N, C-alpha and C. Protein backbone atom coordinates (compact mmCIF):
# COMPACT_ATOMS: atom_id res chain seq x y z
N UNK A 1 24.60 66.18 11.37
CA UNK A 1 23.88 66.01 10.12
C UNK A 1 22.43 66.48 10.29
N UNK A 2 21.97 67.19 9.33
CA UNK A 2 20.62 67.73 9.41
C UNK A 2 19.60 66.71 8.94
N UNK A 3 18.48 66.67 9.63
CA UNK A 3 17.40 65.76 9.27
C UNK A 3 16.37 66.50 8.43
N UNK A 4 15.56 65.72 7.75
CA UNK A 4 14.43 66.25 6.99
C UNK A 4 13.16 65.74 7.65
N UNK A 5 12.24 66.65 7.95
CA UNK A 5 10.97 66.31 8.58
C UNK A 5 9.85 66.56 7.58
N UNK A 6 8.84 65.71 7.61
CA UNK A 6 7.66 65.86 6.75
C UNK A 6 6.45 66.13 7.63
N UNK A 7 5.82 67.27 7.42
CA UNK A 7 4.64 67.64 8.20
C UNK A 7 3.44 67.75 7.26
N UNK A 8 2.38 67.06 7.60
CA UNK A 8 1.14 67.13 6.83
C UNK A 8 0.23 68.17 7.49
N UNK A 9 -0.08 69.24 6.76
CA UNK A 9 -0.85 70.36 7.32
C UNK A 9 -2.35 70.17 7.23
N UNK A 10 -2.80 69.07 6.68
CA UNK A 10 -4.24 68.86 6.48
C UNK A 10 -4.97 68.78 7.82
N UNK A 11 -5.91 69.71 8.04
CA UNK A 11 -6.70 69.73 9.26
C UNK A 11 -5.99 70.30 10.48
N UNK A 12 -4.77 70.81 10.33
CA UNK A 12 -4.02 71.37 11.46
C UNK A 12 -4.29 72.86 11.58
N UNK A 13 -4.28 73.37 12.81
CA UNK A 13 -4.47 74.80 13.05
C UNK A 13 -3.19 75.53 12.68
N UNK A 14 -3.31 76.64 11.96
CA UNK A 14 -2.18 77.35 11.39
C UNK A 14 -1.13 77.77 12.44
N UNK A 15 -1.55 78.39 13.52
CA UNK A 15 -0.60 78.89 14.51
C UNK A 15 0.18 77.79 15.20
N UNK A 16 -0.48 76.71 15.56
CA UNK A 16 0.19 75.60 16.22
C UNK A 16 1.17 74.91 15.28
N UNK A 17 0.77 74.78 14.03
CA UNK A 17 1.64 74.19 13.02
C UNK A 17 2.88 75.06 12.80
N UNK A 18 2.67 76.37 12.70
CA UNK A 18 3.78 77.30 12.45
C UNK A 18 4.75 77.35 13.62
N UNK A 19 4.25 77.30 14.85
CA UNK A 19 5.16 77.38 16.00
C UNK A 19 6.02 76.13 16.10
N UNK A 20 5.45 74.95 15.83
CA UNK A 20 6.24 73.72 15.86
C UNK A 20 7.27 73.71 14.73
N UNK A 21 6.86 74.19 13.56
CA UNK A 21 7.78 74.27 12.42
C UNK A 21 8.93 75.22 12.71
N UNK A 22 8.64 76.38 13.29
CA UNK A 22 9.69 77.34 13.63
C UNK A 22 10.66 76.77 14.66
N UNK A 23 10.15 76.02 15.61
CA UNK A 23 11.02 75.38 16.61
C UNK A 23 12.01 74.43 15.94
N UNK A 24 11.53 73.64 15.00
CA UNK A 24 12.40 72.70 14.30
C UNK A 24 13.43 73.44 13.45
N UNK A 25 13.01 74.49 12.75
CA UNK A 25 13.92 75.25 11.90
C UNK A 25 15.02 75.93 12.71
N UNK A 26 14.69 76.40 13.92
CA UNK A 26 15.68 77.05 14.77
C UNK A 26 16.58 76.05 15.48
N UNK A 27 16.11 74.81 15.61
CA UNK A 27 16.90 73.80 16.31
C UNK A 27 16.67 73.80 17.80
N UNK A 28 15.54 74.34 18.24
CA UNK A 28 15.26 74.40 19.68
C UNK A 28 14.99 73.04 20.29
N UNK A 29 14.72 72.04 19.46
CA UNK A 29 14.50 70.70 19.99
C UNK A 29 15.80 69.91 20.12
N UNK A 30 16.92 70.50 19.67
CA UNK A 30 18.23 69.84 19.80
C UNK A 30 18.84 70.14 21.16
N UNK A 31 19.53 69.19 21.78
CA UNK A 31 20.14 69.46 23.08
C UNK A 31 21.30 70.45 23.01
N UNK A 32 21.91 70.62 21.84
CA UNK A 32 23.04 71.55 21.70
C UNK A 32 22.60 72.93 21.21
N UNK A 33 21.35 73.33 21.44
CA UNK A 33 20.82 74.58 20.92
C UNK A 33 21.57 75.78 21.48
N UNK A 34 22.01 76.66 20.58
CA UNK A 34 22.52 77.98 20.94
C UNK A 34 21.86 78.98 19.99
N UNK A 35 21.45 80.15 20.47
CA UNK A 35 20.66 81.04 19.63
C UNK A 35 21.43 81.69 18.48
N UNK A 36 22.75 81.68 18.48
CA UNK A 36 23.51 82.37 17.45
C UNK A 36 23.99 81.45 16.33
N UNK A 37 23.58 80.18 16.35
CA UNK A 37 23.97 79.25 15.30
C UNK A 37 22.72 78.63 14.66
N UNK A 38 22.85 78.29 13.40
CA UNK A 38 21.76 77.60 12.71
C UNK A 38 22.00 76.11 12.82
N UNK A 39 21.33 75.47 13.77
CA UNK A 39 21.47 74.04 13.97
C UNK A 39 20.15 73.33 13.71
N UNK A 40 19.25 74.00 13.02
CA UNK A 40 17.93 73.44 12.77
C UNK A 40 17.93 72.45 11.62
N UNK A 41 16.80 71.79 11.45
CA UNK A 41 16.62 70.79 10.42
C UNK A 41 15.74 71.34 9.29
N UNK A 42 15.66 70.60 8.21
CA UNK A 42 14.80 70.95 7.09
C UNK A 42 13.38 70.48 7.38
N UNK A 43 12.39 71.25 6.91
CA UNK A 43 10.99 70.89 7.09
C UNK A 43 10.29 70.94 5.74
N UNK A 44 9.63 69.85 5.38
CA UNK A 44 8.80 69.80 4.17
C UNK A 44 7.35 69.76 4.65
N UNK A 45 6.57 70.75 4.26
CA UNK A 45 5.18 70.84 4.67
C UNK A 45 4.29 70.61 3.45
N UNK A 46 3.43 69.60 3.53
CA UNK A 46 2.55 69.27 2.41
C UNK A 46 1.10 69.59 2.77
N UNK A 47 0.24 69.63 1.78
CA UNK A 47 -1.19 69.93 1.94
C UNK A 47 -1.42 71.29 2.59
N UNK A 48 -0.67 72.29 2.17
CA UNK A 48 -0.79 73.64 2.74
C UNK A 48 -2.16 74.26 2.45
N UNK A 49 -2.81 73.84 1.39
CA UNK A 49 -4.11 74.42 1.05
C UNK A 49 -5.21 73.95 1.99
N UNK A 50 -4.94 72.92 2.80
CA UNK A 50 -5.95 72.38 3.70
C UNK A 50 -5.70 72.73 5.17
N UNK A 51 -4.86 73.73 5.42
CA UNK A 51 -4.62 74.17 6.79
C UNK A 51 -5.85 74.91 7.31
N UNK A 52 -6.10 74.82 8.62
CA UNK A 52 -7.31 75.38 9.22
C UNK A 52 -6.96 76.63 10.02
N UNK A 53 -7.83 77.62 9.97
CA UNK A 53 -7.72 78.79 10.84
C UNK A 53 -8.98 78.86 11.69
N UNK A 54 -8.87 79.41 12.89
CA UNK A 54 -10.00 79.44 13.81
C UNK A 54 -10.73 80.78 13.71
N UNK A 55 -11.94 80.80 14.20
CA UNK A 55 -12.72 82.03 14.26
C UNK A 55 -13.11 82.55 12.88
N UNK A 56 -13.11 83.89 12.75
CA UNK A 56 -13.51 84.54 11.49
C UNK A 56 -12.29 84.94 10.66
N UNK A 57 -11.13 84.31 10.92
CA UNK A 57 -9.91 84.70 10.22
C UNK A 57 -9.97 84.44 8.71
N UNK A 58 -10.73 83.48 8.30
CA UNK A 58 -10.82 83.15 6.87
C UNK A 58 -11.27 84.36 6.05
N UNK A 59 -12.18 85.18 6.59
CA UNK A 59 -12.64 86.36 5.88
C UNK A 59 -11.96 87.64 6.36
N UNK A 60 -11.58 87.71 7.64
CA UNK A 60 -11.09 88.96 8.22
C UNK A 60 -9.58 89.15 8.16
N UNK A 61 -8.80 88.07 8.12
CA UNK A 61 -7.34 88.20 8.16
C UNK A 61 -6.82 88.76 6.85
N UNK A 62 -5.95 89.77 6.95
CA UNK A 62 -5.38 90.43 5.78
C UNK A 62 -3.87 90.29 5.77
N UNK A 63 -3.31 90.03 4.61
CA UNK A 63 -1.86 90.03 4.41
C UNK A 63 -1.51 91.31 3.68
N UNK A 64 -0.56 92.08 4.24
CA UNK A 64 -0.23 93.39 3.69
C UNK A 64 1.18 93.40 3.12
N UNK A 65 1.35 94.17 2.04
CA UNK A 65 2.68 94.43 1.51
C UNK A 65 2.71 95.87 1.02
N UNK A 66 3.86 96.49 1.13
CA UNK A 66 3.98 97.90 0.81
C UNK A 66 5.10 98.09 -0.21
N UNK A 67 4.81 98.80 -1.28
CA UNK A 67 5.76 98.98 -2.37
C UNK A 67 6.82 100.03 -2.06
N UNK A 68 6.54 100.91 -1.12
CA UNK A 68 7.47 101.98 -0.81
C UNK A 68 7.03 103.31 -1.42
N UNK A 69 6.08 103.27 -2.31
CA UNK A 69 5.57 104.48 -2.93
C UNK A 69 4.32 104.96 -2.20
N UNK A 70 3.97 106.25 -2.35
CA UNK A 70 2.74 106.74 -1.73
C UNK A 70 1.53 105.95 -2.22
N UNK A 71 0.67 105.63 -1.32
CA UNK A 71 -0.52 104.80 -1.53
C UNK A 71 -0.18 103.47 -2.20
N UNK A 72 0.95 102.90 -1.82
CA UNK A 72 1.40 101.63 -2.40
C UNK A 72 1.11 100.43 -1.52
N UNK A 73 0.18 100.56 -0.57
CA UNK A 73 -0.16 99.44 0.32
C UNK A 73 -1.16 98.52 -0.38
N UNK A 74 -0.80 97.25 -0.47
CA UNK A 74 -1.68 96.25 -1.06
C UNK A 74 -2.10 95.28 0.04
N UNK A 75 -3.36 94.95 0.09
CA UNK A 75 -3.85 93.99 1.07
C UNK A 75 -4.52 92.83 0.35
N UNK A 76 -4.31 91.62 0.87
CA UNK A 76 -4.90 90.42 0.31
C UNK A 76 -5.56 89.64 1.43
N UNK A 77 -6.84 89.33 1.33
CA UNK A 77 -7.49 88.53 2.38
C UNK A 77 -7.02 87.07 2.31
N UNK A 78 -7.12 86.38 3.43
CA UNK A 78 -6.70 84.99 3.52
C UNK A 78 -7.46 84.12 2.53
N UNK A 79 -8.72 84.42 2.33
CA UNK A 79 -9.56 83.67 1.39
C UNK A 79 -8.96 83.65 -0.02
N UNK A 80 -8.55 84.82 -0.48
CA UNK A 80 -7.98 84.95 -1.83
C UNK A 80 -6.59 84.31 -1.90
N UNK A 81 -5.79 84.49 -0.85
CA UNK A 81 -4.44 83.92 -0.82
C UNK A 81 -4.49 82.40 -0.83
N UNK A 82 -5.49 81.82 -0.18
CA UNK A 82 -5.65 80.36 -0.16
C UNK A 82 -5.95 79.82 -1.56
N UNK A 83 -6.69 80.58 -2.36
CA UNK A 83 -7.01 80.15 -3.72
C UNK A 83 -5.81 80.28 -4.66
N UNK A 84 -5.08 81.39 -4.54
CA UNK A 84 -4.00 81.69 -5.48
C UNK A 84 -2.66 81.09 -5.09
N UNK A 85 -2.23 81.28 -3.84
CA UNK A 85 -0.92 80.80 -3.37
C UNK A 85 -1.05 80.23 -1.96
N UNK A 86 -1.60 79.02 -1.80
CA UNK A 86 -1.84 78.49 -0.45
C UNK A 86 -0.56 78.23 0.34
N UNK A 87 0.56 78.04 -0.31
CA UNK A 87 1.81 77.79 0.42
C UNK A 87 2.31 79.03 1.15
N UNK A 88 1.91 80.21 0.69
CA UNK A 88 2.35 81.45 1.33
C UNK A 88 1.72 81.65 2.70
N UNK A 89 0.60 81.02 2.98
CA UNK A 89 -0.05 81.15 4.29
C UNK A 89 0.88 80.61 5.37
N UNK A 90 1.38 79.41 5.18
CA UNK A 90 2.29 78.79 6.16
C UNK A 90 3.63 79.51 6.16
N UNK A 91 4.10 79.90 4.98
CA UNK A 91 5.38 80.60 4.86
C UNK A 91 5.38 81.89 5.70
N UNK A 92 4.31 82.69 5.59
CA UNK A 92 4.22 83.95 6.34
C UNK A 92 4.11 83.71 7.85
N UNK A 93 3.36 82.69 8.24
CA UNK A 93 3.19 82.40 9.67
C UNK A 93 4.51 81.98 10.30
N UNK A 94 5.27 81.12 9.62
CA UNK A 94 6.55 80.67 10.15
C UNK A 94 7.57 81.81 10.13
N UNK A 95 7.54 82.60 9.08
CA UNK A 95 8.47 83.73 8.96
C UNK A 95 8.34 84.70 10.14
N UNK A 96 7.12 84.91 10.60
CA UNK A 96 6.90 85.81 11.73
C UNK A 96 7.40 85.26 13.05
N UNK A 97 7.67 83.96 13.12
CA UNK A 97 8.12 83.34 14.37
C UNK A 97 9.62 83.11 14.41
N UNK A 98 10.32 83.43 13.35
CA UNK A 98 11.77 83.26 13.31
C UNK A 98 12.47 84.57 13.65
N UNK A 99 13.77 84.54 13.98
CA UNK A 99 14.50 85.77 14.27
C UNK A 99 14.48 86.73 13.08
N UNK A 100 14.44 88.03 13.38
CA UNK A 100 14.36 89.05 12.32
C UNK A 100 15.77 89.53 11.96
N UNK A 101 16.60 88.66 11.41
CA UNK A 101 17.96 89.02 11.02
C UNK A 101 18.44 88.06 9.93
N UNK A 102 19.74 88.10 9.61
CA UNK A 102 20.28 87.23 8.56
C UNK A 102 20.10 85.76 8.89
N UNK A 103 20.27 85.44 10.16
CA UNK A 103 20.14 84.05 10.58
C UNK A 103 18.71 83.54 10.37
N UNK A 104 17.72 84.37 10.66
CA UNK A 104 16.33 83.99 10.45
C UNK A 104 16.02 83.78 8.98
N UNK A 105 16.58 84.62 8.11
CA UNK A 105 16.36 84.45 6.68
C UNK A 105 17.03 83.17 6.18
N UNK A 106 18.17 82.83 6.75
CA UNK A 106 18.84 81.58 6.39
C UNK A 106 18.03 80.36 6.85
N UNK A 107 17.43 80.46 8.02
CA UNK A 107 16.61 79.36 8.54
C UNK A 107 15.37 79.16 7.67
N UNK A 108 14.81 80.25 7.18
CA UNK A 108 13.59 80.17 6.38
C UNK A 108 13.81 79.44 5.06
N UNK A 109 15.05 79.43 4.57
CA UNK A 109 15.36 78.72 3.33
C UNK A 109 15.25 77.21 3.50
N UNK A 110 15.22 76.75 4.73
CA UNK A 110 15.10 75.31 4.99
C UNK A 110 13.65 74.85 5.06
N UNK A 111 12.72 75.77 4.87
CA UNK A 111 11.31 75.43 4.87
C UNK A 111 10.83 75.26 3.44
N UNK A 112 10.26 74.09 3.14
CA UNK A 112 9.73 73.80 1.81
C UNK A 112 8.24 73.53 1.97
N UNK A 113 7.40 74.35 1.35
CA UNK A 113 5.94 74.24 1.50
C UNK A 113 5.31 73.94 0.15
N UNK A 114 4.39 72.96 0.13
CA UNK A 114 3.72 72.55 -1.10
C UNK A 114 2.21 72.49 -0.86
N UNK A 115 1.40 72.98 -1.84
CA UNK A 115 -0.05 73.04 -1.64
C UNK A 115 -0.73 71.67 -1.63
N UNK A 116 -0.16 70.70 -2.29
CA UNK A 116 -0.77 69.37 -2.36
C UNK A 116 0.08 68.32 -1.66
N UNK A 117 -0.27 67.04 -1.83
CA UNK A 117 0.46 65.98 -1.14
C UNK A 117 1.78 65.59 -1.81
N UNK A 118 2.02 66.03 -3.05
CA UNK A 118 3.25 65.65 -3.75
C UNK A 118 4.38 66.63 -3.44
N UNK A 119 5.59 66.11 -3.31
CA UNK A 119 6.77 66.95 -3.09
C UNK A 119 7.99 66.27 -3.72
N UNK A 120 9.00 67.05 -4.15
CA UNK A 120 10.16 66.47 -4.83
C UNK A 120 11.31 66.07 -3.91
N UNK A 121 11.05 65.84 -2.63
CA UNK A 121 12.12 65.56 -1.67
C UNK A 121 12.12 64.12 -1.19
N UNK A 122 11.69 63.20 -2.03
CA UNK A 122 11.66 61.79 -1.65
C UNK A 122 13.08 61.25 -1.44
N UNK A 123 14.06 61.75 -2.19
CA UNK A 123 15.44 61.27 -2.08
C UNK A 123 16.05 61.57 -0.72
N UNK A 124 15.58 62.62 -0.05
CA UNK A 124 16.10 62.97 1.26
C UNK A 124 15.46 62.11 2.36
N UNK A 125 14.47 61.31 2.01
CA UNK A 125 13.71 60.44 2.90
C UNK A 125 13.30 61.15 4.20
N UNK A 126 12.39 62.14 4.08
CA UNK A 126 11.96 62.87 5.27
C UNK A 126 11.16 61.98 6.23
N UNK A 127 11.36 62.22 7.52
CA UNK A 127 10.67 61.47 8.56
C UNK A 127 9.36 62.19 8.86
N UNK A 128 8.26 61.44 8.87
CA UNK A 128 6.95 62.02 9.13
C UNK A 128 6.85 62.46 10.60
N UNK A 129 6.29 63.64 10.82
CA UNK A 129 6.17 64.21 12.16
C UNK A 129 4.73 64.61 12.39
N UNK A 130 4.15 64.16 13.48
CA UNK A 130 2.77 64.51 13.83
C UNK A 130 2.78 65.75 14.70
N UNK A 131 2.05 66.79 14.29
CA UNK A 131 2.02 68.05 15.03
C UNK A 131 0.72 68.14 15.80
C-alpha cells in the first residue's frame, strides 16, 4: 500500500528538498526497491512559494522551453516564475532527478505541489515528513 507524505517547503533549500522528494517518489527508501518498478509513495508539497535558493540563483537562474520553431526559445527567470507559478519551481527540480522514461513520468504524477499551506488531500491523511 502506498503512503502519502506531507512536506513543508517553507525555508527549505530547493535542491535538498527535491532530492529527498525524488527518493520517496522512486521508492529508494523502501527495502524492496528495484529500479524497474514504481514502488514509490505519494508526496504532497505545501508552501512552494517559500522555498529557498542559495547564492545568486534568484536573479540568475533561467527556466527554458523551446517551441520547436526557429527562434522559439523562451526563458523565464526564477524571480518571475516564483511570482506567477511557484509550484513549478519544485516540479522542475524533482522532474530533473527522476528517470527520463515512461516510468519517470508515471512517478512524477504522484507529486502534488501547492503554493500555499492548503491542500485537498486531507482524506488521504498524509504523514508529515521533516526534510
